[in-house]
Amino acid sequence: MTYRCKLCDMEPPVTEQKNEIPMFRFRVLIEHNSAYNRFVARCLETGSVATASDENMVEDMIKELLTDEVIYALDHNNLANLYSSPAPYDVWMRFRQAERLGIPSKPMNRAIRARNSEEVPAEIKIARTS
């Protein structure tokens, strides 16, 4: 059965729902470093690190950094470099401990390849110890 608009006798536009499976999944641990009074975000898979004085700022920074790293890896056909330096074991264990508290999955900025403007779906899980 097709529904038509009573005012203009037109069919409503068909919208596609994209349920894309992320090509990349990253896990990030955000902690507060009391010695330096800074928030530190570490990606477990890539070893990438961002620091900021504000928790929301460090989250934005690590998302931007990971997006840039994905774009670079795709543009240069080098995923091995993206995953070449994972975070140390103790960071993985602290993430696991924080994960037990429950972590919502957050979508990351879409990585767009510079050569063909292809969007690559990715997601990031963020755990906080503070």
C-alpha atoms as a PDB file:
ATOM      1  CA  MET A   1       0.000   0.000   0.000  1.00  0.00           C
ATOM      2  CA  THR A   2       1.349   3.411  -0.990  1.00  0.00           C
ATOM      3  CA  TYR A   3       0.474   6.523   0.978  1.00  0.00           C
ATOM      4  CA  ARG A   4       0.066   9.773  -0.893  1.00  0.00           C
ATOM      5  CA  CYS A   5       0.130  13.315   0.387  1.00  0.00           C
ATOM      6  CA  LYS A   6      -3.456  14.610   0.501  1.00  0.00           C
ATOM      7  CA  LEU A   7      -2.383  18.174  -0.220  1.00  0.00           C
ATOM      8  CA  CYS A   8      -0.295  17.597  -3.330  1.00  0.00           C
ATOM      9  CA  ASP A   9      -1.174  14.028  -4.353  1.00  0.00           C
ATOM     10  CA  MET A  10       2.518  13.039  -4.371  1.00  0.00           C
ATOM     11  CA  GLU A  11       4.194   9.978  -2.945  1.00  0.00           C
ATOM     12  CA  PRO A  12       6.551  10.664  -0.050  1.00  0.00           C
ATOM     13  CA  PRO A  13      10.242  10.353  -0.883  1.00  0.00           C
ATOM     14  CA  VAL A  14      11.775   6.969  -0.228  1.00  0.00           C
ATOM     15  CA  THR A  15      14.639   7.154   2.236  1.00  0.00           C
ATOM     16  CA  GLU A  16      17.313   4.535   2.512  1.00  0.00           C
ATOM     17  CA  GLN A  17      18.404   3.456   5.934  1.00  0.00           C
ATOM     18  CA  LYS A  18      22.073   2.647   5.952  1.00  0.00           C
ATOM     19  CA  ASN A  19      23.078   0.194   8.608  1.00  0.00           C
ATOM     20  CA  GLU A  20      26.781   0.236   7.840  1.00  0.00           C
ATOM     21  CA  ILE A  21      29.108  -2.047   9.694  1.00  0.00           C
ATOM     22  CA  PRO A  22      32.144  -0.034  10.759  1.00  0.00           C
ATOM     23  CA  MET A  23      35.325  -0.796   8.859  1.00  0.00           C
ATOM     24  CA  PHE A  24      37.354   0.386  11.844  1.00  0.00           C
ATOM     25  CA  ARG A  25      36.617  -0.045  15.540  1.00  0.00           C
ATOM     26  CA  PHE A  26      38.756   1.749  18.053  1.00  0.00           C
ATOM     27  CA  ARG A  27      38.781   1.649  21.842  1.00  0.00           C
ATOM     28  CA  VAL A  28      39.941   4.722  23.758  1.00  0.00           C
ATOM     29  CA  LEU A  29      40.680   5.169  27.440  1.00  0.00           C
ATOM     30  CA  ILE A  30      40.355   8.676  28.880  1.00  0.00           C
ATOM     31  CA  GLU A  31      42.019   9.258  32.229  1.00  0.00           C
ATOM     32  CA  HIS A  32      42.839  12.279  34.352  1.00  0.00           C
ATOM     33  CA  ASN A  33      46.522  12.773  35.143  1.00  0.00           C
ATOM     34  CA  SER A  34      46.542  14.560  38.494  1.00  0.00           C
ATOM     35  CA  ALA A  35      50.295  15.285  38.372  1.00  0.00           C
ATOM     36  CA  TYR A  36      49.853  17.475  35.289  1.00  0.00           C
ATOM     37  CA  ASN A  37      46.155  18.274  35.759  1.00  0.00           C
ATOM     38  CA  ARG A  38      45.434  17.063  32.194  1.00  0.00           C
ATOM     39  CA  PHE A  39      43.110  14.544  30.604  1.00  0.00           C
ATOM     40  CA  VAL A  40      44.850  11.869  28.549  1.00  0.00           C
ATOM     41  CA  ALA A  41      43.127   9.849  25.809  1.00  0.00           C
ATOM     42  CA  ARG A  42      44.844   6.695  24.512  1.00  0.00           C
ATOM     43  CA  CYS A  43      43.693   4.519  21.626  1.00  0.00           C
ATOM     44  CA  LEU A  44      44.334   0.866  22.416  1.00  0.00           C
ATOM     45  CA  GLU A  45      44.664  -0.300  18.819  1.00  0.00           C
ATOM     46  CA  THR A  46      46.853   2.478  17.410  1.00  0.00           C
ATOM     47  CA  GLY A  47      48.638   3.771  20.497  1.00  0.00           C
ATOM     48  CA  SER A  48      47.624   7.331  19.583  1.00  0.00           C
ATOM     49  CA  VAL A  49      47.615   9.808  22.468  1.00  0.00           C
ATOM     50  CA  ALA A  50      45.921  13.175  22.951  1.00  0.00           C
ATOM     51  CA  THR A  51      45.994  15.470  25.983  1.00  0.00           C
ATOM     52  CA  ALA A  52      43.898  18.470  27.007  1.00  0.00           C
ATOM     53  CA  SER A  53      42.807  20.347  30.102  1.00  0.00           C
ATOM     54  CA  ASP A  54      39.139  19.537  29.392  1.00  0.00           C
ATOM     55  CA  GLU A  55      37.605  16.049  29.158  1.00  0.00           C
ATOM     56  CA  ASN A  56      35.323  16.898  26.223  1.00  0.00           C
ATOM     57  CA  MET A  57      38.199  18.561  24.382  1.00  0.00           C
ATOM     58  CA  VAL A  58      40.444  15.502  24.695  1.00  0.00           C
ATOM     59  CA  GLU A  59      37.616  13.319  23.352  1.00  0.00           C
ATOM     60  CA  ASP A  60      37.216  15.588  20.317  1.00  0.00           C
ATOM     61  CA  MET A  61      40.975  15.652  19.796  1.00  0.00           C
ATOM     62  CA  ILE A  62      41.406  11.862  19.829  1.00  0.00           C
ATOM     63  CA  LYS A  63      38.476  11.450  17.416  1.00  0.00           C
ATOM     64  CA  GLU A  64      40.045  13.954  15.021  1.00  0.00           C
ATOM     65  CA  LEU A  65      43.452  12.310  15.355  1.00  0.00           C
ATOM     66  CA  LEU A  66      42.051   8.836  14.642  1.00  0.00           C
ATOM     67  CA  THR A  67      40.078  10.145  11.685  1.00  0.00           C
ATOM     68  CA  ASP A  68      43.239  11.696  10.230  1.00  0.00           C
ATOM     69  CA  GLU A  69      45.210   8.481  10.806  1.00  0.00           C
ATOM     70  CA  VAL A  70      42.545   6.357   9.080  1.00  0.00           C
ATOM     71  CA  ILE A  71      42.473   8.704   6.084  1.00  0.00           C
ATOM     72  CA  TYR A  72      46.257   8.625   5.831  1.00  0.00           C
ATOM     73  CA  ALA A  73      46.366   4.812   6.078  1.00  0.00           C
ATOM     74  CA  LEU A  74      43.687   4.396   3.408  1.00  0.00           C
ATOM     75  CA  ASP A  75      45.195   6.962   1.065  1.00  0.00           C
ATOM     76  CA  HIS A  76      48.566   5.216   1.291  1.00  0.00           C
ATOM     77  CA  ASN A  77      47.180   1.648   1.312  1.00  0.00           C
ATOM     78  CA  ASN A  78      49.039   0.952   4.559  1.00  0.00           C
ATOM     79  CA  LEU A  79      46.891  -0.403   7.370  1.00  0.00           C
ATOM     80  CA  ALA A  80      49.916  -2.078   8.951  1.00  0.00           C
ATOM     81  CA  ASN A  81      51.284   1.337   9.878  1.00  0.00           C
ATOM     82  CA  LEU A  82      47.962   2.287  11.515  1.00  0.00           C
ATOM     83  CA  TYR A  83      48.172  -0.660  13.913  1.00  0.00           C
ATOM     84  CA  SER A  84      51.962  -0.816  14.321  1.00  0.00           C
ATOM     85  CA  SER A  85      52.224   0.651  17.854  1.00  0.00           C
ATOM     86  CA  PRO A  86      49.317  -0.429  20.089  1.00  0.00           C
ATOM     87  CA  ALA A  87      48.949   0.942  23.611  1.00  0.00           C
ATOM     88  CA  PRO A  88      50.887  -0.755  26.434  1.00  0.00           C
ATOM     89  CA  TYR A  89      49.367  -3.725  28.239  1.00  0.00           C
ATOM     90  CA  ASP A  90      48.549  -1.747  31.405  1.00  0.00           C
ATOM     91  CA  VAL A  91      46.362   0.657  29.369  1.00  0.00           C
ATOM     92  CA  TRP A  92      44.449  -2.335  27.954  1.00  0.00           C
ATOM     93  CA  MET A  93      43.873  -3.637  31.491  1.00  0.00           C
ATOM     94  CA  ARG A  94      42.645  -0.247  32.753  1.00  0.00           C
ATOM     95  CA  PHE A  95      40.312  -0.043  29.753  1.00  0.00           C
ATOM     96  CA  ARG A  96      38.955  -3.501  30.560  1.00  0.00           C
ATOM     97  CA  GLN A  97      38.365  -2.472  34.171  1.00  0.00           C
ATOM     98  CA  ALA A  98      36.562   0.719  33.091  1.00  0.00           C
ATOM     99  CA  GLU A  99      34.582  -1.261  30.491  1.00  0.00           C
ATOM    100  CA  ARG A 100      32.942  -3.279  33.234  1.00  0.00           C
ATOM    101  CA  LEU A 101      31.113  -0.094  34.201  1.00  0.00           C
ATOM    102  CA  GLY A 102      29.483  -0.041  30.739  1.00  0.00           C
ATOM    103  CA  ILE A 103      30.560   1.938  27.705  1.00  0.00           C
ATOM    104  CA  PRO A 104      28.220   3.289  25.055  1.00  0.00           C
ATOM    105  CA  SER A 105      29.521   2.985  21.527  1.00  0.00           C
ATOM    106  CA  LYS A 106      30.005   6.403  19.913  1.00  0.00           C
ATOM    107  CA  PRO A 107      30.270   7.029  16.196  1.00  0.00           C
ATOM    108  CA  MET A 108      33.511   8.570  15.086  1.00  0.00           C
ATOM    109  CA  ASN A 109      33.758  11.294  12.481  1.00  0.00           C
ATOM    110  CA  ARG A 110      33.547   9.717   9.056  1.00  0.00           C
ATOM    111  CA  ALA A 111      36.923   9.263   7.475  1.00  0.00           C
ATOM    112  CA  ILE A 112      36.888  10.520   3.892  1.00  0.00           C
ATOM    113  CA  ARG A 113      39.582   9.367   1.488  1.00  0.00           C
ATOM    114  CA  ALA A 114      41.193  12.282  -0.256  1.00  0.00           C
ATOM    115  CA  ARG A 115      41.607  10.490  -3.586  1.00  0.00           C
ATOM    116  CA  ASN A 116      38.017   9.461  -4.277  1.00  0.00           C
ATOM    117  CA  SER A 117      35.894  11.084  -1.549  1.00  0.00           C
ATOM    118  CA  GLU A 118      34.796   7.660  -0.314  1.00  0.00           C
ATOM    119  CA  GLU A 119      33.357   7.653   3.204  1.00  0.00           C
ATOM    120  CA  VAL A 120      34.572   4.928   5.534  1.00  0.00           C
ATOM    121  CA  PRO A 121      32.412   4.011   8.510  1.00  0.00           C
ATOM    122  CA  ALA A 122      34.186   3.775  11.855  1.00  0.00           C
ATOM    123  CA  GLU A 123      33.207   3.668  15.501  1.00  0.00           C
ATOM    124  CA  ILE A 124      34.936   4.418  18.750  1.00  0.00           C
ATOM    125  CA  LYS A 125      34.284   3.125  22.255  1.00  0.00           C
ATOM    126  CA  ILE A 126      35.375   5.435  25.028  1.00  0.00           C
ATOM    127  CA  ALA A 127      35.973   4.400  28.630  1.00  0.00           C
ATOM    128  CA  ARG A 128      36.657   6.854  31.421  1.00  0.00           C
ATOM    129  CA  THR A 129      38.352   6.149  34.700  1.00  0.00           C
ATOM    130  CA  SER A 130      37.292   9.464  36.259  1.00  0.00           C
END
